[in-house]
């Protein structure tokens, strides 16, 4: 948070990281690709941020460089999160577009739901958290009966304007060898929802991809002994998160340097 005289502007210093894991099923190998780390700074209230370099103490050359991002009209405490999140989501959109342009025949799975403002493409959205109910009645009852590797029929999701439609289905991830009840998990543990833009993927092709997902997703499901978000969090995704986190730097060390920088300027953090 910063300001001048009687004006206060909310803003944030943040680090975003995006990347991909390329899986080669024929050889059983996986490699990281397109790993990008950015440090950014932005403000609300249409206050333009400036390029900010934070030197490292003890004479090290490893300074932290925060590049300015476009300001937001909003100027509330909530803008701090939205500033960082919007840049990250746009970076993910650009990466997905680049990967599709290079390998149009490759199935690209995006961690998270497909966003309405994104350009419709053939990527597969992978939603791990059930924040909204899309099925009811007998259709919803199917969710309790799914075994690992089984899915519901495909259904359509429309936005309020009825202009953007997605194909979607639920699938139970994980392994039949793991007893989720014995581990203390609830009966819907392992359920994920997948989605495709119907503007880009015809229904027949969506059925083919949905059928492929019943074998593909459980194959890469994480194990409870290695990931607390198992089995929903895919093993390649978990590995990518750890690698990106390592490259972003130690959070506690960066926070101390930021606080020291703010203190040297006499501003609040």
C-alpha atoms as a PDB file:
ATOM      1  CA  UNK A   1       0.000   0.000   0.000  1.00  0.00           C
ATOM      2  CA  UNK A   2       1.329   3.457  -0.865  1.00  0.00           C
ATOM      3  CA  UNK A   3       0.142   7.005  -1.298  1.00  0.00           C
ATOM      4  CA  UNK A   4       0.793  10.708  -1.418  1.00  0.00           C
ATOM      5  CA  UNK A   5      -0.373  13.138   1.268  1.00  0.00           C
ATOM      6  CA  UNK A   6      -4.096  12.354   1.636  1.00  0.00           C
ATOM      7  CA  UNK A   7      -4.253   9.666  -1.094  1.00  0.00           C
ATOM      8  CA  UNK A   8      -3.887   5.934  -0.500  1.00  0.00           C
ATOM      9  CA  UNK A   9      -3.344   3.397  -3.283  1.00  0.00           C
ATOM     10  CA  UNK A  10      -3.549  -0.347  -2.801  1.00  0.00           C
ATOM     11  CA  UNK A  11      -1.079  -2.448  -4.712  1.00  0.00           C
ATOM     12  CA  UNK A  12       1.104  -5.501  -4.602  1.00  0.00           C
ATOM     13  CA  UNK A  13       4.552  -6.855  -5.302  1.00  0.00           C
ATOM     14  CA  UNK A  14       4.252 -10.420  -6.547  1.00  0.00           C
ATOM     15  CA  UNK A  15       5.929 -13.288  -8.340  1.00  0.00           C
ATOM     16  CA  UNK A  16       4.145 -15.405 -10.947  1.00  0.00           C
ATOM     17  CA  UNK A  17       5.335 -18.622 -12.528  1.00  0.00           C
ATOM     18  CA  UNK A  18       3.940 -20.611 -15.457  1.00  0.00           C
ATOM     19  CA  UNK A  19       5.200 -23.661 -17.278  1.00  0.00           C
ATOM     20  CA  UNK A  20       4.324 -26.999 -18.824  1.00  0.00           C
ATOM     21  CA  UNK A  21       5.208 -30.666 -18.547  1.00  0.00           C
ATOM     22  CA  UNK A  22       5.588 -32.545 -21.820  1.00  0.00           C
ATOM     23  CA  UNK A  23       4.573 -36.188 -21.433  1.00  0.00           C
ATOM     24  CA  UNK A  24       5.751 -38.803 -23.918  1.00  0.00           C
ATOM     25  CA  UNK A  25       3.609 -41.859 -23.270  1.00  0.00           C
ATOM     26  CA  UNK A  26       5.433 -44.020 -25.825  1.00  0.00           C
ATOM     27  CA  UNK A  27       8.702 -43.718 -23.895  1.00  0.00           C
ATOM     28  CA  UNK A  28       7.255 -43.069 -20.440  1.00  0.00           C
ATOM     29  CA  UNK A  29       9.261 -39.857 -20.019  1.00  0.00           C
ATOM     30  CA  UNK A  30       8.391 -36.310 -18.997  1.00  0.00           C
ATOM     31  CA  UNK A  31      10.245 -33.006 -19.306  1.00  0.00           C
ATOM     32  CA  UNK A  32       9.617 -29.425 -18.180  1.00  0.00           C
ATOM     33  CA  UNK A  33       9.170 -26.758 -20.844  1.00  0.00           C
ATOM     34  CA  UNK A  34       8.393 -23.045 -21.190  1.00  0.00           C
ATOM     35  CA  UNK A  35       9.172 -22.255 -17.542  1.00  0.00           C
ATOM     36  CA  UNK A  36       8.772 -18.515 -16.937  1.00  0.00           C
ATOM     37  CA  UNK A  37       9.241 -16.553 -13.714  1.00  0.00           C
ATOM     38  CA  UNK A  38       8.183 -12.894 -13.477  1.00  0.00           C
ATOM     39  CA  UNK A  39       8.303 -10.438 -10.609  1.00  0.00           C
ATOM     40  CA  UNK A  40       5.686  -7.725 -10.972  1.00  0.00           C
ATOM     41  CA  UNK A  41       4.364  -4.648  -9.173  1.00  0.00           C
ATOM     42  CA  UNK A  42       1.046  -2.902  -9.696  1.00  0.00           C
ATOM     43  CA  UNK A  43      -1.403  -0.478  -8.075  1.00  0.00           C
ATOM     44  CA  UNK A  44      -5.105   0.276  -8.063  1.00  0.00           C
ATOM     45  CA  UNK A  45      -6.719   3.674  -8.512  1.00  0.00           C
ATOM     46  CA  UNK A  46      -5.125   4.030 -11.980  1.00  0.00           C
ATOM     47  CA  UNK A  47      -1.791   4.658 -10.287  1.00  0.00           C
ATOM     48  CA  UNK A  48       1.003   3.516 -12.612  1.00  0.00           C
ATOM     49  CA  UNK A  49       3.785   1.542 -10.941  1.00  0.00           C
ATOM     50  CA  UNK A  50       7.452   1.983 -11.806  1.00  0.00           C
ATOM     51  CA  UNK A  51      10.224  -0.507 -12.450  1.00  0.00           C
ATOM     52  CA  UNK A  52      11.534  -1.347  -8.994  1.00  0.00           C
ATOM     53  CA  UNK A  53      14.937  -2.896  -8.241  1.00  0.00           C
ATOM     54  CA  UNK A  54      15.542  -4.146  -4.710  1.00  0.00           C
ATOM     55  CA  UNK A  55      19.248  -4.676  -4.033  1.00  0.00           C
ATOM     56  CA  UNK A  56      20.453  -7.657  -2.080  1.00  0.00           C
ATOM     57  CA  UNK A  57      22.276  -6.873   1.180  1.00  0.00           C
ATOM     58  CA  UNK A  58      25.915  -7.778   1.779  1.00  0.00           C
ATOM     59  CA  UNK A  59      26.961  -6.686  -1.696  1.00  0.00           C
ATOM     60  CA  UNK A  60      25.412  -9.550  -3.687  1.00  0.00           C
ATOM     61  CA  UNK A  61      24.440  -8.901  -7.309  1.00  0.00           C
ATOM     62  CA  UNK A  62      21.206 -10.923  -7.003  1.00  0.00           C
ATOM     63  CA  UNK A  63      18.777  -8.015  -6.941  1.00  0.00           C
ATOM     64  CA  UNK A  64      15.024  -8.453  -7.181  1.00  0.00           C
ATOM     65  CA  UNK A  65      13.600  -6.701 -10.242  1.00  0.00           C
ATOM     66  CA  UNK A  66       9.853  -6.018 -10.288  1.00  0.00           C
ATOM     67  CA  UNK A  67       8.410  -4.911 -13.631  1.00  0.00           C
ATOM     68  CA  UNK A  68       5.325  -2.655 -13.669  1.00  0.00           C
ATOM     69  CA  UNK A  69       1.970  -3.977 -14.847  1.00  0.00           C
ATOM     70  CA  UNK A  70      -1.047  -1.946 -16.021  1.00  0.00           C
ATOM     71  CA  UNK A  71      -2.956  -0.371 -13.116  1.00  0.00           C
ATOM     72  CA  UNK A  72      -6.518  -1.206 -12.132  1.00  0.00           C
ATOM     73  CA  UNK A  73      -9.459   1.172 -11.790  1.00  0.00           C
ATOM     74  CA  UNK A  74     -10.399  -0.519  -8.528  1.00  0.00           C
ATOM     75  CA  UNK A  75      -8.701   0.766  -5.395  1.00  0.00           C
ATOM     76  CA  UNK A  76      -9.663  -1.549  -2.538  1.00  0.00           C
ATOM     77  CA  UNK A  77      -7.684  -4.128  -0.547  1.00  0.00           C
ATOM     78  CA  UNK A  78      -9.043  -6.832  -2.881  1.00  0.00           C
ATOM     79  CA  UNK A  79      -7.240  -5.311  -5.865  1.00  0.00           C
ATOM     80  CA  UNK A  80      -3.924  -6.622  -4.543  1.00  0.00           C
ATOM     81  CA  UNK A  81      -4.932 -10.216  -5.281  1.00  0.00           C
ATOM     82  CA  UNK A  82      -6.713  -9.498  -8.556  1.00  0.00           C
ATOM     83  CA  UNK A  83      -3.736  -7.584  -9.990  1.00  0.00           C
ATOM     84  CA  UNK A  84      -1.432 -10.573  -9.573  1.00  0.00           C
ATOM     85  CA  UNK A  85      -4.028 -13.171 -10.537  1.00  0.00           C
ATOM     86  CA  UNK A  86      -5.009 -11.413 -13.771  1.00  0.00           C
ATOM     87  CA  UNK A  87      -1.398 -11.294 -14.973  1.00  0.00           C
ATOM     88  CA  UNK A  88      -0.934 -14.972 -14.114  1.00  0.00           C
ATOM     89  CA  UNK A  89      -4.115 -16.072 -15.921  1.00  0.00           C
ATOM     90  CA  UNK A  90      -3.168 -14.114 -19.040  1.00  0.00           C
ATOM     91  CA  UNK A  91       0.296 -15.702 -18.975  1.00  0.00           C
ATOM     92  CA  UNK A  92      -1.332 -19.141 -18.813  1.00  0.00           C
ATOM     93  CA  UNK A  93      -3.580 -18.239 -21.774  1.00  0.00           C
ATOM     94  CA  UNK A  94      -0.564 -17.156 -23.827  1.00  0.00           C
ATOM     95  CA  UNK A  95       1.344 -20.320 -22.983  1.00  0.00           C
ATOM     96  CA  UNK A  96      -1.593 -22.550 -23.950  1.00  0.00           C
ATOM     97  CA  UNK A  97      -1.922 -20.696 -27.274  1.00  0.00           C
ATOM     98  CA  UNK A  98       1.806 -21.095 -27.976  1.00  0.00           C
ATOM     99  CA  UNK A  99       1.748 -24.815 -27.228  1.00  0.00           C
ATOM    100  CA  UNK A 100      -1.303 -25.363 -29.429  1.00  0.00           C
ATOM    101  CA  UNK A 101       0.304 -23.454 -32.297  1.00  0.00           C
ATOM    102  CA  UNK A 102       3.412 -25.654 -32.112  1.00  0.00           C
ATOM    103  CA  UNK A 103       1.629 -28.974 -31.543  1.00  0.00           C
ATOM    104  CA  UNK A 104      -2.004 -28.709 -32.715  1.00  0.00           C
ATOM    105  CA  UNK A 105      -2.529 -32.492 -32.530  1.00  0.00           C
ATOM    106  CA  UNK A 106      -1.358 -32.770 -28.901  1.00  0.00           C
ATOM    107  CA  UNK A 107      -3.886 -32.884 -26.062  1.00  0.00           C
ATOM    108  CA  UNK A 108      -3.105 -29.997 -23.717  1.00  0.00           C
ATOM    109  CA  UNK A 109      -4.536 -30.223 -20.200  1.00  0.00           C
ATOM    110  CA  UNK A 110      -4.848 -26.957 -18.291  1.00  0.00           C
ATOM    111  CA  UNK A 111      -4.848 -27.050 -14.505  1.00  0.00           C
ATOM    112  CA  UNK A 112      -8.087 -25.257 -13.646  1.00  0.00           C
ATOM    113  CA  UNK A 113     -11.322 -24.334 -15.387  1.00  0.00           C
ATOM    114  CA  UNK A 114     -11.558 -22.638 -18.769  1.00  0.00           C
ATOM    115  CA  UNK A 115     -12.217 -18.928 -18.310  1.00  0.00           C
ATOM    116  CA  UNK A 116     -14.969 -17.088 -20.151  1.00  0.00           C
ATOM    117  CA  UNK A 117     -12.738 -14.293 -21.391  1.00  0.00           C
ATOM    118  CA  UNK A 118     -10.218 -16.735 -22.834  1.00  0.00           C
ATOM    119  CA  UNK A 119     -10.051 -17.405 -26.566  1.00  0.00           C
ATOM    120  CA  UNK A 120     -11.912 -20.680 -27.292  1.00  0.00           C
ATOM    121  CA  UNK A 121      -9.481 -23.457 -28.182  1.00  0.00           C
ATOM    122  CA  UNK A 122      -9.133 -27.226 -27.904  1.00  0.00           C
ATOM    123  CA  UNK A 123      -7.400 -27.358 -24.514  1.00  0.00           C
ATOM    124  CA  UNK A 124      -8.908 -29.557 -21.795  1.00  0.00           C
ATOM    125  CA  UNK A 125      -9.746 -27.862 -18.505  1.00  0.00           C
ATOM    126  CA  UNK A 126      -9.021 -29.934 -15.382  1.00  0.00           C
ATOM    127  CA  UNK A 127     -11.000 -28.800 -12.305  1.00  0.00           C
ATOM    128  CA  UNK A 128     -10.006 -30.370  -8.976  1.00  0.00           C
ATOM    129  CA  UNK A 129     -12.285 -28.435  -6.605  1.00  0.00           C
ATOM    130  CA  UNK A 130     -16.088 -28.735  -6.668  1.00  0.00           C
ATOM    131  CA  UNK A 131     -17.206 -25.195  -5.823  1.00  0.00           C
ATOM    132  CA  UNK A 132     -20.413 -25.389  -7.849  1.00  0.00           C
ATOM    133  CA  UNK A 133     -22.970 -28.114  -8.517  1.00  0.00           C
ATOM    134  CA  UNK A 134     -23.791 -28.734 -12.167  1.00  0.00           C
ATOM    135  CA  UNK A 135     -25.862 -31.916 -11.787  1.00  0.00           C
ATOM    136  CA  UNK A 136     -28.981 -32.656  -9.761  1.00  0.00           C
ATOM    137  CA  UNK A 137     -31.331 -35.532  -9.019  1.00  0.00           C
ATOM    138  CA  UNK A 138     -30.507 -38.919 -10.535  1.00  0.00           C
ATOM    139  CA  UNK A 139     -27.630 -37.399 -12.521  1.00  0.00           C
ATOM    140  CA  UNK A 140     -25.964 -36.137  -9.341  1.00  0.00           C
ATOM    141  CA  UNK A 141     -26.445 -39.548  -7.714  1.00  0.00           C
ATOM    142  CA  UNK A 142     -24.106 -41.005 -10.337  1.00  0.00           C
ATOM    143  CA  UNK A 143     -21.177 -39.230  -8.676  1.00  0.00           C
ATOM    144  CA  UNK A 144     -21.333 -41.560  -5.658  1.00  0.00           C
ATOM    145  CA  UNK A 145     -21.280 -44.666  -7.836  1.00  0.00           C
ATOM    146  CA  UNK A 146     -18.249 -43.869  -9.994  1.00  0.00           C
ATOM    147  CA  UNK A 147     -15.227 -46.136  -9.607  1.00  0.00           C
ATOM    148  CA  UNK A 148     -11.702 -44.981 -10.527  1.00  0.00           C
ATOM    149  CA  UNK A 149     -11.531 -44.568 -14.305  1.00  0.00           C
ATOM    150  CA  UNK A 150     -15.286 -44.136 -14.758  1.00  0.00           C
ATOM    151  CA  UNK A 151     -17.036 -40.952 -15.876  1.00  0.00           C
ATOM    152  CA  UNK A 152     -20.490 -39.450 -16.142  1.00  0.00           C
ATOM    153  CA  UNK A 153     -22.147 -38.766 -19.496  1.00  0.00           C
ATOM    154  CA  UNK A 154     -21.168 -35.455 -21.083  1.00  0.00           C
ATOM    155  CA  UNK A 155     -23.359 -32.460 -20.254  1.00  0.00           C
ATOM    156  CA  UNK A 156     -23.390 -28.835 -21.454  1.00  0.00           C
ATOM    157  CA  UNK A 157     -22.619 -25.750 -19.376  1.00  0.00           C
ATOM    158  CA  UNK A 158     -23.778 -22.348 -20.635  1.00  0.00           C
ATOM    159  CA  UNK A 159     -22.892 -18.889 -19.371  1.00  0.00           C
ATOM    160  CA  UNK A 160     -25.561 -16.320 -18.545  1.00  0.00           C
ATOM    161  CA  UNK A 161     -25.554 -14.797 -22.021  1.00  0.00           C
ATOM    162  CA  UNK A 162     -25.738 -18.260 -23.617  1.00  0.00           C
ATOM    163  CA  UNK A 163     -22.861 -17.268 -25.928  1.00  0.00           C
ATOM    164  CA  UNK A 164     -20.110 -19.468 -24.509  1.00  0.00           C
ATOM    165  CA  UNK A 165     -20.833 -23.161 -23.991  1.00  0.00           C
ATOM    166  CA  UNK A 166     -18.648 -25.946 -22.646  1.00  0.00           C
ATOM    167  CA  UNK A 167     -18.855 -29.716 -22.747  1.00  0.00           C
ATOM    168  CA  UNK A 168     -18.151 -31.191 -19.336  1.00  0.00           C
ATOM    169  CA  UNK A 169     -18.080 -34.478 -17.439  1.00  0.00           C
ATOM    170  CA  UNK A 170     -17.086 -35.801 -14.016  1.00  0.00           C
ATOM    171  CA  UNK A 171     -14.503 -38.527 -13.618  1.00  0.00           C
ATOM    172  CA  UNK A 172     -13.234 -40.503 -10.629  1.00  0.00           C
ATOM    173  CA  UNK A 173      -9.444 -40.399 -10.534  1.00  0.00           C
ATOM    174  CA  UNK A 174      -7.139 -42.568  -8.459  1.00  0.00           C
ATOM    175  CA  UNK A 175      -6.400 -46.252  -8.164  1.00  0.00           C
ATOM    176  CA  UNK A 176      -8.769 -49.056  -7.242  1.00  0.00           C
ATOM    177  CA  UNK A 177      -5.994 -50.438  -5.004  1.00  0.00           C
ATOM    178  CA  UNK A 178      -6.312 -47.499  -2.580  1.00  0.00           C
ATOM    179  CA  UNK A 179      -9.141 -47.589  -0.045  1.00  0.00           C
ATOM    180  CA  UNK A 180     -10.111 -43.942   0.410  1.00  0.00           C
ATOM    181  CA  UNK A 181     -12.469 -44.702   3.314  1.00  0.00           C
ATOM    182  CA  UNK A 182      -9.668 -46.373   5.219  1.00  0.00           C
ATOM    183  CA  UNK A 183      -7.589 -43.223   4.744  1.00  0.00           C
ATOM    184  CA  UNK A 184     -10.408 -41.107   6.181  1.00  0.00           C
ATOM    185  CA  UNK A 185     -11.470 -39.425   2.922  1.00  0.00           C
ATOM    186  CA  UNK A 186     -15.079 -38.598   2.054  1.00  0.00           C
ATOM    187  CA  UNK A 187     -17.054 -40.554  -0.523  1.00  0.00           C
ATOM    188  CA  UNK A 188     -16.526 -37.999  -3.295  1.00  0.00           C
ATOM    189  CA  UNK A 189     -12.749 -37.964  -2.929  1.00  0.00           C
ATOM    190  CA  UNK A 190     -11.041 -38.312  -6.302  1.00  0.00           C
ATOM    191  CA  UNK A 191     -13.809 -36.659  -8.318  1.00  0.00           C
ATOM    192  CA  UNK A 192     -12.626 -34.161 -10.913  1.00  0.00           C
ATOM    193  CA  UNK A 193     -14.506 -32.259 -13.586  1.00  0.00           C
ATOM    194  CA  UNK A 194     -13.183 -31.835 -17.111  1.00  0.00           C
ATOM    195  CA  UNK A 195     -14.371 -29.370 -19.724  1.00  0.00           C
ATOM    196  CA  UNK A 196     -13.903 -28.356 -23.361  1.00  0.00           C
ATOM    197  CA  UNK A 197     -15.065 -25.331 -25.341  1.00  0.00           C
ATOM    198  CA  UNK A 198     -17.929 -26.582 -27.508  1.00  0.00           C
ATOM    199  CA  UNK A 199     -17.177 -23.760 -29.977  1.00  0.00           C
ATOM    200  CA  UNK A 200     -13.871 -25.451 -30.792  1.00  0.00           C
ATOM    201  CA  UNK A 201     -14.598 -29.124 -30.111  1.00  0.00           C
ATOM    202  CA  UNK A 202     -17.554 -30.886 -31.821  1.00  0.00           C
ATOM    203  CA  UNK A 203     -19.555 -33.257 -29.644  1.00  0.00           C
ATOM    204  CA  UNK A 204     -18.220 -36.424 -31.319  1.00  0.00           C
ATOM    205  CA  UNK A 205     -14.637 -35.312 -30.689  1.00  0.00           C
ATOM    206  CA  UNK A 206     -15.531 -34.404 -27.106  1.00  0.00           C
ATOM    207  CA  UNK A 207     -16.779 -37.978 -26.573  1.00  0.00           C
ATOM    208  CA  UNK A 208     -13.463 -39.342 -27.852  1.00  0.00           C
ATOM    209  CA  UNK A 209     -11.473 -37.089 -25.522  1.00  0.00           C
ATOM    210  CA  UNK A 210     -13.759 -37.956 -22.589  1.00  0.00           C
ATOM    211  CA  UNK A 211     -13.195 -41.663 -23.224  1.00  0.00           C
ATOM    212  CA  UNK A 212      -9.427 -41.103 -23.398  1.00  0.00           C
ATOM    213  CA  UNK A 213      -9.534 -39.254 -20.084  1.00  0.00           C
ATOM    214  CA  UNK A 214     -10.887 -42.327 -18.270  1.00  0.00           C
ATOM    215  CA  UNK A 215      -7.541 -44.079 -18.755  1.00  0.00           C
ATOM    216  CA  UNK A 216      -5.241 -41.065 -19.004  1.00  0.00           C
ATOM    217  CA  UNK A 217      -6.191 -39.207 -15.806  1.00  0.00           C
ATOM    218  CA  UNK A 218      -6.022 -42.185 -13.382  1.00  0.00           C
ATOM    219  CA  UNK A 219      -2.658 -43.123 -14.909  1.00  0.00           C
ATOM    220  CA  UNK A 220      -1.153 -39.862 -13.650  1.00  0.00           C
ATOM    221  CA  UNK A 221      -3.116 -39.597 -10.393  1.00  0.00           C
ATOM    222  CA  UNK A 222      -1.009 -38.748  -7.348  1.00  0.00           C
ATOM    223  CA  UNK A 223      -0.646 -41.022  -4.300  1.00  0.00           C
ATOM    224  CA  UNK A 224      -1.752 -39.968  -0.786  1.00  0.00           C
ATOM    225  CA  UNK A 225       1.691 -40.744   0.649  1.00  0.00           C
ATOM    226  CA  UNK A 226       3.262 -38.096  -1.619  1.00  0.00           C
ATOM    227  CA  UNK A 227       0.590 -35.448  -2.125  1.00  0.00           C
ATOM    228  CA  UNK A 228      -2.090 -34.299   0.357  1.00  0.00           C
ATOM    229  CA  UNK A 229      -4.298 -33.374  -2.623  1.00  0.00           C
ATOM    230  CA  UNK A 230      -4.247 -36.927  -3.966  1.00  0.00           C
ATOM    231  CA  UNK A 231      -5.578 -38.355  -6.109  1.00  0.00           C
ATOM    232  CA  UNK A 232      -7.020 -35.249  -7.813  1.00  0.00           C
ATOM    233  CA  UNK A 233      -3.691 -33.455  -8.210  1.00  0.00           C
ATOM    234  CA  UNK A 234      -1.897 -35.011 -11.163  1.00  0.00           C
ATOM    235  CA  UNK A 235       1.661 -36.188 -10.481  1.00  0.00           C
ATOM    236  CA  UNK A 236       3.158 -34.126 -13.367  1.00  0.00           C
ATOM    237  CA  UNK A 237       1.327 -31.033 -12.101  1.00  0.00           C
ATOM    238  CA  UNK A 238       2.653 -31.561  -8.574  1.00  0.00           C
ATOM    239  CA  UNK A 239       6.198 -31.916  -9.915  1.00  0.00           C
ATOM    240  CA  UNK A 240       5.797 -28.752 -12.001  1.00  0.00           C
ATOM    241  CA  UNK A 241       4.512 -26.803  -8.986  1.00  0.00           C
ATOM    242  CA  UNK A 242       7.541 -27.823  -6.934  1.00  0.00           C
ATOM    243  CA  UNK A 243       9.971 -26.885  -9.707  1.00  0.00           C
ATOM    244  CA  UNK A 244       8.335 -23.507 -10.269  1.00  0.00           C
ATOM    245  CA  UNK A 245       8.290 -22.881  -6.521  1.00  0.00           C
ATOM    246  CA  UNK A 246      12.013 -23.640  -6.320  1.00  0.00           C
ATOM    247  CA  UNK A 247      12.765 -21.186  -9.127  1.00  0.00           C
ATOM    248  CA  UNK A 248      10.622 -18.457  -7.577  1.00  0.00           C
ATOM    249  CA  UNK A 249      12.901 -18.353  -4.549  1.00  0.00           C
ATOM    250  CA  UNK A 250      12.436 -18.707  -0.810  1.00  0.00           C
ATOM    251  CA  UNK A 251       9.281 -16.874   0.226  1.00  0.00           C
ATOM    252  CA  UNK A 252      10.519 -15.936   3.699  1.00  0.00           C
ATOM    253  CA  UNK A 253      13.794 -14.504   2.374  1.00  0.00           C
ATOM    254  CA  UNK A 254      12.021 -12.451  -0.317  1.00  0.00           C
ATOM    255  CA  UNK A 255       9.495 -11.146   2.205  1.00  0.00           C
ATOM    256  CA  UNK A 256      12.302  -9.986   4.521  1.00  0.00           C
ATOM    257  CA  UNK A 257      13.980  -8.145   1.656  1.00  0.00           C
ATOM    258  CA  UNK A 258      10.704  -6.456   0.680  1.00  0.00           C
ATOM    259  CA  UNK A 259      10.017  -5.368   4.241  1.00  0.00           C
ATOM    260  CA  UNK A 260      13.545  -4.014   4.551  1.00  0.00           C
ATOM    261  CA  UNK A 261      13.095  -2.101   1.301  1.00  0.00           C
ATOM    262  CA  UNK A 262       9.792  -0.603   2.470  1.00  0.00           C
ATOM    263  CA  UNK A 263      11.314   0.366   5.805  1.00  0.00           C
ATOM    264  CA  UNK A 264      14.156   2.174   4.029  1.00  0.00           C
ATOM    265  CA  UNK A 265      11.565   4.276   2.193  1.00  0.00           C
ATOM    266  CA  UNK A 266       9.475   4.881   5.285  1.00  0.00           C
ATOM    267  CA  UNK A 267       6.298   3.370   3.829  1.00  0.00           C
ATOM    268  CA  UNK A 268       3.789   0.825   5.141  1.00  0.00           C
ATOM    269  CA  UNK A 269       3.846  -2.784   3.941  1.00  0.00           C
END
